[in-house]
Protein backbone atom coordinates (compact mmCIF):
# COMPACT_ATOMS: atom_id res chain seq x y z
CA UNK A 1 24.71 5.96 -9.22
CA UNK A 2 22.88 3.67 -11.96
CA UNK A 3 19.12 3.81 -12.22
CA UNK A 4 18.93 0.28 -11.35
CA UNK A 5 20.95 1.30 -8.11
CA UNK A 6 18.18 4.00 -7.43
CA UNK A 7 15.53 1.51 -7.92
CA UNK A 8 17.00 -0.70 -5.49
CA UNK A 9 17.11 2.14 -2.83
CA UNK A 10 13.63 3.08 -3.68
CA UNK A 11 12.40 -0.34 -3.01
CA UNK A 12 14.60 -0.78 0.03
CA UNK A 13 13.09 2.30 1.67
CA UNK A 14 9.67 1.11 0.99
CA UNK A 15 10.05 -2.32 2.43
CA UNK A 16 12.08 -1.03 5.52
CA UNK A 17 9.66 1.88 6.15
CA UNK A 18 6.72 -0.51 6.03
CA UNK A 19 8.42 -3.01 8.32
CA UNK A 20 9.40 -0.11 10.55
CA UNK A 21 6.01 1.27 11.18
CA UNK A 22 4.53 -2.25 11.96
CA UNK A 23 7.05 -3.02 14.13
CA UNK A 24 6.56 0.33 15.95
CA UNK A 25 2.44 -0.39 15.88
CA UNK A 26 3.14 -3.78 17.51
CA UNK A 27 5.22 -2.39 20.08
CA UNK A 28 2.47 -0.28 21.04
CA UNK A 29 0.21 -3.19 21.59
CA UNK A 30 2.48 -4.87 24.09
CA UNK A 31 1.08 -2.24 26.71
CA UNK A 32 -2.28 -3.84 26.38
CA UNK A 33 -3.43 -5.57 29.63
CA UNK A 34 -6.93 -7.30 30.69
CA UNK A 35 -6.24 -5.59 34.14
CA UNK A 36 -6.62 -2.12 34.95
CA UNK A 37 -3.23 -0.77 35.83
CA UNK A 38 -2.87 0.94 39.17
CA UNK A 39 -1.96 4.35 37.74
CA UNK A 40 -4.92 4.33 35.52
CA UNK A 41 -7.24 3.67 38.37
CA UNK A 42 -9.49 6.84 39.03
CA UNK A 43 -9.33 7.52 35.05
CA UNK A 44 -10.96 4.37 33.74
CA UNK A 45 -13.35 1.81 35.71
CA UNK A 46 -12.77 -1.82 34.82
CA UNK A 47 -15.90 -1.93 32.19
CA UNK A 48 -14.80 1.32 30.61
CA UNK A 49 -10.88 0.18 30.55
CA UNK A 50 -11.99 -3.08 28.96
CA UNK A 51 -13.90 -1.63 26.30
CA UNK A 52 -10.93 0.76 25.36
CA UNK A 53 -8.46 -2.03 25.34
CA UNK A 54 -11.16 -3.81 22.82
CA UNK A 55 -11.44 -0.65 20.95
CA UNK A 56 -7.56 -0.38 20.77
CA UNK A 57 -7.11 -4.34 19.36
CA UNK A 58 -9.74 -3.71 17.14
CA UNK A 59 -8.22 -0.77 15.22
CA UNK A 60 -4.72 -2.22 15.36
CA UNK A 61 -6.08 -5.20 13.37
CA UNK A 62 -7.83 -2.89 10.89
CA UNK A 63 -4.67 -0.57 10.60
CA UNK A 64 -2.66 -3.55 9.96
CA UNK A 65 -5.01 -4.92 7.08
CA UNK A 66 -5.40 -1.05 5.86
CA UNK A 67 -1.69 -0.50 5.80
CA UNK A 68 -0.78 -3.92 4.38
CA UNK A 69 -2.89 -3.12 1.36
CA UNK A 70 -1.32 0.17 1.09
CA UNK A 71 2.12 -1.24 1.02
CA UNK A 72 1.11 -4.10 -1.36
CA UNK A 73 -0.34 -1.76 -3.70
CA UNK A 74 2.65 0.62 -3.97
CA UNK A 75 5.13 -2.68 -4.10
CA UNK A 76 2.96 -3.72 -7.16
CA UNK A 77 3.45 -0.62 -8.61
CA UNK A 78 7.14 -0.53 -8.41
CA UNK A 79 7.43 -4.04 -9.13
CA UNK A 80 5.19 -4.28 -12.24
CA UNK A 81 6.11 -0.66 -13.73
CA UNK A 82 2.67 0.72 -12.41
CA UNK A 83 4.16 4.34 -12.40
CA UNK A 84 5.57 4.00 -15.82
CA UNK A 85 2.40 2.53 -17.25
CA UNK A 86 0.20 5.55 -15.75
CA UNK A 87 3.19 7.94 -17.26
CA UNK A 88 2.60 6.24 -20.58
CA UNK A 89 -1.34 6.73 -20.45
CA UNK A 90 -1.04 10.54 -19.30
CA UNK A 91 1.30 11.18 -22.37
CA UNK A 92 -1.59 10.36 -24.63
CA UNK A 93 -3.61 12.90 -23.32
CA UNK A 94 -1.49 15.68 -23.84
CA UNK A 95 2.18 16.85 -24.34
CA UNK A 96 2.08 19.69 -21.83
CA UNK A 97 4.24 18.66 -18.58
CA UNK A 98 1.35 20.77 -16.57
CA UNK A 99 -1.32 18.40 -18.09
CA UNK A 100 0.78 15.43 -17.38
CA UNK A 101 1.38 16.11 -14.02
CA UNK A 102 -2.14 16.79 -13.01
CA UNK A 103 -3.60 13.64 -14.92
CA UNK A 104 -1.04 11.54 -13.38
CA UNK A 105 -1.22 12.59 -9.94
CA UNK A 106 -5.48 13.03 -10.18
CA UNK A 107 -5.40 8.94 -11.58
CA UNK A 108 -3.17 7.85 -8.76
CA UNK A 109 -5.11 10.04 -6.04
CA UNK A 110 -8.67 8.98 -7.49
CA UNK A 111 -7.43 5.33 -7.66
CA UNK A 112 -5.95 5.37 -4.42
CA UNK A 113 -9.28 7.01 -2.86
CA UNK A 114 -11.63 4.76 -4.92
CA UNK A 115 -9.88 1.74 -3.53
CA UNK A 116 -9.92 2.91 -0.03
CA UNK A 117 -13.59 3.66 0.11
CA UNK A 118 -14.36 -0.01 1.44
CA UNK A 119 -12.12 0.20 4.17
CA UNK A 120 -13.30 3.89 5.12
CA UNK A 121 -16.90 2.28 5.22
CA UNK A 122 -16.28 -0.51 7.18
CA UNK A 123 -14.14 1.86 9.62
CA UNK A 124 -16.89 4.38 10.00
CA UNK A 125 -20.08 2.28 9.87
CA UNK A 126 -18.71 -0.91 11.64
CA UNK A 127 -15.92 -0.05 13.84
CA UNK A 128 -16.94 3.47 15.13
CA UNK A 129 -20.52 2.70 15.03
CA UNK A 130 -19.81 -0.70 17.42
CA UNK A 131 -17.93 1.85 19.88
CA UNK A 132 -20.64 4.42 19.90
CA UNK A 133 -18.54 6.93 18.14
CA UNK A 134 -20.17 7.31 14.48
CA UNK A 135 -22.75 9.95 13.71
CA UNK A 136 -22.09 9.83 9.96
CA UNK A 137 -25.07 9.07 7.81
CA UNK A 138 -24.51 7.66 4.45
CA UNK A 139 -25.49 10.59 2.58
CA UNK A 140 -22.98 12.81 4.70
CA UNK A 141 -20.46 10.08 3.82
CA UNK A 142 -20.94 10.35 0.19
CA UNK A 143 -21.22 14.12 -0.01
CA UNK A 144 -17.85 14.53 2.14
CA UNK A 145 -16.33 12.06 -0.39
CA UNK A 146 -17.58 14.66 -3.34
CA UNK A 147 -16.62 17.68 -1.64
CA UNK A 148 -13.06 16.16 -1.11
CA UNK A 149 -12.49 15.37 -4.48
CA UNK A 150 -13.88 18.81 -5.56
CA UNK A 151 -11.26 20.41 -3.60
CA UNK A 152 -8.48 17.98 -4.25
CA UNK A 153 -9.05 18.61 -8.05
CA UNK A 154 -9.34 22.69 -7.95
CA UNK A 155 -7.32 23.66 -4.99
CA UNK A 156 -4.73 20.51 -5.25
CA UNK A 157 -4.72 20.77 -8.92
CA UNK A 158 -4.14 24.81 -9.04
CA UNK A 159 -1.29 24.32 -6.75
CA UNK A 160 0.09 21.33 -8.80
CA UNK A 161 -0.21 23.29 -12.30
CA UNK A 162 1.56 26.74 -10.59
CA UNK A 163 4.66 24.37 -9.25
CA UNK A 164 4.97 22.73 -12.70
CA UNK A 165 4.72 25.99 -14.10
CA UNK A 166 7.23 27.39 -12.11
CA UNK A 167 9.40 24.73 -12.65
CA UNK A 168 9.36 24.78 -16.56
CA UNK A 169 9.98 28.57 -16.54
CA UNK A 170 12.41 29.34 -13.55
CA UNK A 171 15.21 26.75 -14.16
CA UNK A 172 17.68 27.08 -10.78
CA UNK A 173 15.38 29.29 -9.13
CA UNK A 174 12.36 26.80 -9.29
CA UNK A 175 12.95 25.95 -5.48
CA UNK A 176 13.07 29.51 -4.18
CA UNK A 177 10.14 30.66 -6.43
CA UNK A 178 7.93 27.35 -5.27
CA UNK A 179 8.69 28.39 -1.95
CA UNK A 180 7.63 31.55 -1.81
CA UNK A 181 4.38 30.49 -3.64
CA UNK A 182 3.62 27.60 -1.21
CA UNK A 183 4.30 29.81 1.80
CA UNK A 184 1.95 32.30 0.68
CA UNK A 185 -0.67 29.76 0.29
CA UNK A 186 -0.04 28.24 3.46
CA UNK A 187 -0.34 31.52 5.10
CA UNK A 188 -3.39 32.24 3.16
CA UNK A 189 -5.07 29.04 4.34
CA UNK A 190 -3.79 29.45 7.86
CA UNK A 191 -5.48 32.90 7.88
CA UNK A 192 -8.66 32.19 6.27
CA UNK A 193 -9.16 28.42 7.25
CA UNK A 194 -12.28 28.62 9.56
CA UNK A 195 -13.84 31.39 7.27
CA UNK A 196 -13.26 29.37 3.74
CA UNK A 197 -12.57 25.79 4.42
CA UNK A 198 -14.49 24.62 7.53
CA UNK A 199 -18.11 25.86 6.14
CA UNK A 200 -17.71 23.46 3.09
CA UNK A 201 -17.68 20.47 5.50
CA UNK A 202 -19.47 21.91 8.76
CA UNK A 203 -21.85 24.22 9.95
CA UNK A 204 -20.27 27.19 12.26
CA UNK A 205 -22.50 29.36 14.57
CA UNK A 206 -21.56 31.75 16.62
CA UNK A 207 -21.14 31.05 20.52
CA UNK A 208 -24.50 32.55 21.76
CA UNK A 209 -24.65 35.20 25.07
CA UNK A 210 -24.66 33.54 28.01
CA UNK A 211 -22.65 32.22 30.97
CA UNK A 212 -20.26 30.17 28.62
CA UNK A 213 -19.42 33.12 26.62
CA UNK A 214 -19.20 35.41 29.33
CA UNK A 215 -16.67 32.96 31.29
CA UNK A 216 -14.53 32.61 28.10
CA UNK A 217 -14.48 36.46 27.37
CA UNK A 218 -13.03 36.87 31.01
CA UNK A 219 -10.39 34.37 30.61
CA UNK A 220 -9.53 36.18 27.18
CA UNK A 221 -9.53 39.33 29.07
CA UNK A 222 -7.38 38.16 31.73
CA UNK A 223 -4.91 36.61 29.23
CA UNK A 224 -4.82 40.20 27.25
CA UNK A 225 -6.30 38.30 24.32
CA UNK A 226 -8.46 39.91 21.81
CA UNK A 227 -11.05 37.42 21.14
CA UNK A 228 -13.78 38.18 18.67
CA UNK A 229 -14.86 34.96 17.15
CA UNK A 230 -15.96 32.05 19.14
CA UNK A 231 -17.83 29.32 16.82
CA UNK A 232 -19.86 26.29 17.68
CA UNK A 233 -19.19 23.35 14.95
CA UNK A 234 -21.64 20.57 14.30
CA UNK A 235 -19.02 18.00 14.82
CA UNK A 236 -21.81 15.76 16.15
CA UNK A 237 -22.93 15.23 12.52
CA UNK A 238 -20.08 12.80 12.06
CA UNK A 239 -18.69 11.69 15.51
CA UNK A 240 -19.49 11.82 19.24
CA UNK A 241 -15.90 12.87 19.96
CA UNK A 242 -15.36 16.42 21.54
CA UNK A 243 -12.65 18.68 20.29
CA UNK A 244 -11.70 22.34 20.36
CA UNK A 245 -9.31 24.10 18.21
CA UNK A 246 -7.52 27.70 17.50
CA UNK A 247 -7.01 28.99 13.94
CA UNK A 248 -5.90 32.13 12.38
CA UNK A 249 -3.82 35.00 13.33
CA UNK A 250 -4.00 38.88 13.60
CA UNK A 251 -7.71 39.79 12.85
CA UNK A 252 -8.85 36.59 11.91
CA UNK A 253 -8.03 34.77 15.08
CA UNK A 254 -10.99 32.38 15.98
CA UNK A 255 -11.87 29.47 18.45
CA UNK A 256 -13.86 26.77 17.40
CA UNK A 257 -15.64 24.42 19.94
CA UNK A 258 -17.19 21.15 19.04
CA UNK A 259 -20.87 21.01 19.92
CA UNK A 260 -20.20 17.66 21.55
CA UNK A 261 -17.54 19.23 23.88
CA UNK A 262 -19.81 21.76 24.96
CA UNK A 263 -22.71 19.34 25.44
CA UNK A 264 -20.22 16.84 27.55
CA UNK A 265 -18.64 19.52 29.70
CA UNK A 266 -19.13 22.29 32.25
CA UNK A 267 -18.45 26.16 32.23
CA UNK A 268 -15.18 25.62 34.38
CA UNK A 269 -13.79 23.06 32.17
CA UNK A 270 -14.70 24.36 29.10
CA UNK A 271 -13.06 27.69 30.14
CA UNK A 272 -9.74 25.78 31.05
CA UNK A 273 -9.86 24.14 27.50
CA UNK A 274 -10.33 27.72 25.82
CA UNK A 275 -7.39 29.26 28.20
CA UNK A 276 -5.34 26.25 26.80
CA UNK A 277 -6.11 27.26 23.21
CA UNK A 278 -5.48 30.87 24.31
CA UNK A 279 -1.86 29.83 25.70
CA UNK A 280 -1.11 28.36 22.26
CA UNK A 281 -1.43 31.78 20.82
CA UNK A 282 -0.01 33.98 23.56
CA UNK A 283 3.06 31.69 23.52
CA UNK A 284 3.50 31.84 20.08
CA UNK A 285 3.00 28.39 19.26
CA UNK A 286 0.81 29.11 16.11
CA UNK A 287 3.83 31.33 14.83
CA UNK A 288 6.53 28.97 15.36
CA UNK A 289 4.41 26.07 13.65
CA UNK A 290 4.02 28.01 10.84
CA UNK A 291 7.44 29.14 10.55
CA UNK A 292 8.72 25.54 10.97
CA UNK A 293 6.49 24.36 8.54
CA UNK A 294 7.55 27.09 5.90
CA UNK A 295 11.31 26.27 6.83
CA UNK A 296 10.60 22.40 6.38
CA UNK A 297 8.80 23.09 2.79
CA UNK A 298 11.92 24.93 1.53
CA UNK A 299 14.32 22.02 2.64
CA UNK A 300 12.36 19.86 1.03
CA UNK A 301 11.87 22.03 -2.12
CA UNK A 302 15.72 22.59 -2.35
CA UNK A 303 16.55 18.52 -1.94
CA UNK A 304 14.16 18.05 -4.36
CA UNK A 305 15.12 20.39 -6.93
CA UNK A 306 18.51 18.62 -7.20
CA UNK A 307 16.69 15.42 -8.29
CA UNK A 308 14.03 16.86 -10.55
CA UNK A 309 16.56 17.58 -13.81
CA UNK A 310 18.08 14.00 -13.61
CA UNK A 311 16.88 11.26 -15.86
CA UNK A 312 17.44 8.66 -13.09
CA UNK A 313 14.24 8.67 -11.43
CA UNK A 314 12.13 8.22 -14.47
CA UNK A 315 14.40 5.34 -15.40
CA UNK A 316 14.14 3.98 -11.92
CA UNK A 317 10.76 3.46 -12.11
CA UNK A 318 10.58 2.08 -15.45
CA UNK A 319 9.88 5.07 -18.05
CA UNK A 320 12.46 6.07 -20.44
CA UNK A 321 11.36 9.82 -20.77
CA UNK A 322 12.30 12.14 -17.69
CA UNK A 323 9.34 14.01 -16.46
CA UNK A 324 8.67 16.33 -13.36
CA UNK A 325 6.10 13.78 -12.10
CA UNK A 326 8.08 10.62 -12.01
CA UNK A 327 10.74 12.60 -10.43
CA UNK A 328 8.32 13.77 -7.62
CA UNK A 329 7.20 9.99 -7.07
CA UNK A 330 10.82 8.89 -6.69
CA UNK A 331 11.89 11.77 -4.52
CA UNK A 332 8.75 11.21 -1.92
CA UNK A 333 10.02 7.80 -1.25
CA UNK A 334 13.56 8.52 -1.19
CA UNK A 335 12.84 11.68 1.37
CA UNK A 336 10.49 9.73 3.37
CA UNK A 337 13.10 8.60 6.14
CA UNK A 338 14.02 12.46 6.26
CA UNK A 339 10.29 13.29 6.76
CA UNK A 340 10.03 10.75 9.65
CA UNK A 341 12.96 12.42 11.46
CA UNK A 342 11.81 15.80 10.84
CA UNK A 343 8.22 14.65 11.88
CA UNK A 344 9.97 13.19 15.47
CA UNK A 345 11.60 16.51 15.94
CA UNK A 346 8.01 18.70 14.99
CA UNK A 347 6.44 16.21 17.29
CA UNK A 348 8.71 16.60 20.29
CA UNK A 349 8.40 20.82 19.83
CA UNK A 350 4.48 20.20 19.57
CA UNK A 351 4.53 18.29 22.93
CA UNK A 352 6.66 20.78 24.36
CA UNK A 353 3.74 23.27 23.48
CA UNK A 354 1.16 21.45 24.92
CA UNK A 355 2.90 21.51 28.34
CA UNK A 356 3.47 25.15 27.91
CA UNK A 357 -0.17 25.80 27.11
CA UNK A 358 -1.40 23.64 30.09
CA UNK A 359 0.65 25.70 32.23
CA UNK A 360 -0.68 28.83 30.97
CA UNK A 361 -4.44 27.52 31.43
CA UNK A 362 -3.72 26.66 34.79
CA UNK A 363 -3.00 30.30 35.75
CA UNK A 364 -6.01 31.31 34.02
CA UNK A 365 -8.63 28.40 35.20
CA UNK A 366 -10.05 27.12 38.19
CA UNK A 367 -8.03 24.58 39.98
CA UNK A 368 -8.72 20.85 38.75
CA UNK A 369 -10.87 22.08 35.72
CA UNK A 370 -8.14 21.52 33.00
CA UNK A 371 -7.57 18.03 34.56
CA UNK A 372 -11.08 16.98 34.55
CA UNK A 373 -11.58 18.14 31.11
CA UNK A 374 -8.72 16.15 29.92
CA UNK A 375 -10.01 13.03 31.73
CA UNK A 376 -13.40 13.53 30.47
CA UNK A 377 -12.13 13.86 26.77
CA UNK A 378 -9.69 10.87 27.00
CA UNK A 379 -12.49 8.47 28.80
CA UNK A 380 -15.04 9.71 25.95
CA UNK A 381 -12.53 8.98 23.39
CA UNK A 382 -11.57 5.58 24.79
CA UNK A 383 -7.99 6.85 24.07
CA UNK A 384 -5.01 5.02 25.22
CA UNK A 385 -3.51 6.15 28.60
CA UNK A 386 -0.41 3.89 28.46
CA UNK A 387 1.30 3.82 25.19
CA UNK A 388 4.80 2.60 24.46
CA UNK A 389 7.23 5.25 24.80
CA UNK A 390 8.79 4.84 21.33
CA UNK A 391 5.64 5.11 19.82
CA UNK A 392 4.94 8.36 21.74
CA UNK A 393 8.19 9.50 20.74
CA UNK A 394 7.53 9.00 17.20
CA UNK A 395 3.85 9.74 16.61
CA UNK A 396 2.55 11.67 19.64
CA UNK A 397 1.88 15.35 18.90
CA UNK A 398 0.43 15.57 22.49
CA UNK A 399 1.88 14.14 25.85
CA UNK A 400 0.20 11.29 27.14
CA UNK A 401 -2.76 12.28 29.64
CA UNK A 402 -0.86 10.72 32.60
CA UNK A 403 2.05 12.92 31.74
CA UNK A 404 -0.09 15.81 31.40
CA UNK A 405 -1.98 15.33 34.43
CA UNK A 406 1.15 15.22 36.17
CA UNK A 407 2.74 18.43 35.06
CA UNK A 408 -0.81 19.85 35.64
CA UNK A 409 -0.54 18.79 39.07
CA UNK A 410 2.74 20.10 39.68
CA UNK A 411 2.13 23.52 38.00
CA UNK A 412 -1.05 23.95 40.56
CA UNK A 413 0.97 22.92 43.39
CA UNK A 414 3.79 25.40 42.42
CA UNK A 415 1.20 28.30 41.94
CA UNK A 416 -0.26 27.79 45.48
CA UNK A 417 3.17 28.08 46.88
CA UNK A 418 3.43 31.59 45.05
C-alpha cells in the first residue's frame, strides 16, 4: 500500500465514522413524540414527559453542533497537513522521541480542550442550568479544568513517556512490555481509584451510623460481602443528578453514594441500589470488566505494533520523518471501526451484567424497592425511556428502564413462586 492510499483510507474512515454516528443519533430522535406513550404512563406525567422531550431535543442539537465542530477540526488537520505541522514544531523543541511525543500530544490535547471550553460552558451553565441540573459554580468549573490539565500532564505524560521508552528500547517485544505496563497501571488505578483520584475533585465522607448504614450492612451481611468502606460523595456541588458506584477489589472494596441520591431516596430504595452494586462484585462483573479491558488493550497494542515501524503513517499525514506519535494518530483513526465493534460487544456484556445484578438485588431487597429507585432516578435525570433499539445496541451499557423493570418484575414473580 502507498502512503497516498493509506491517506485516502484514513480520510474515508473519518468521514464515514462521523456520518454513521450522526445517522444513529438522528434515528434516536425518531422516537420523540409530543404524546406520552402508553408504555410510559406511570413513569412520567404529561408535564415531566414534555420537559424530558425538550431536554432531549436541546441536547441533540447541541451534540450535532459539538460533533460537527470536532469533525471539521480533524478534517482540517488531515486536509491541511495539521498533524505534520505540529510534528515539525515539536521537532524544533527536542530531538528526543519521548519529548517529541509528549509535546505533540500535549499540544493537541491542550488545543482541543481550549477550543471545547465555550461549548462546555454553554452546556453546563445554559442547558444544564435551564433544566435544573447544574450546581457547578464558575470557580468549581475553572478548578476542575486546572486539575484535569494537571492530571493529564502528570499521569498521562508519565504513561506516554514510559510507552515511548519501551518502544525505543524493546523492539519486537514492545507490545508485550507495554501491555504489561498498562495492565499494571490499570489494576493500580482500579484498586486505589476512590482513595487517590476521587478526592482530587470531590469530598468523600464515611456514611454515618444510623438507619441507612444499618440497612446497608444487613444487605451486605446477607450477601456474604465484606463491606468496610461506604462513603457519601458531594456530587451536589456540580449536579443535582444522583448516582452510586462500586470500585476496587480485595481489601480496597468501596461503595460510594452521591449525596443527591441519599437525599432523594428512602432507606429501602437505597438498600436495593446498594444490593445491585454488591451484585456486580459477587457476580464477578468487576473482575470480568478488568480482564476484558486488559485483553482489549493487548489486542490494540499488538495490532498497533505492526504499524509503528512503517514510514507510511508519517507520509500519509504529510510528514517525511517516521515517528511514534504520528503512527499512533494514524492507527487511532484506522482502528476506530474495530474499536466501535469491540465497544458494542462490551456494551452487550455490560447490559447482561446489569440484568444479573438486578436479579441479585431482587433477592436481597424488599419487593418493589429497586423498581421505585430506578424510576425515581430516571425521572429525576430526565432519561429517555424509549430510545431507538439500534442506538441502544450501539451505545447503551445498561438496558433501558422499561427493559429493566420488566426483568425485575419477572424476577420478583419467580421469587414469589419459589
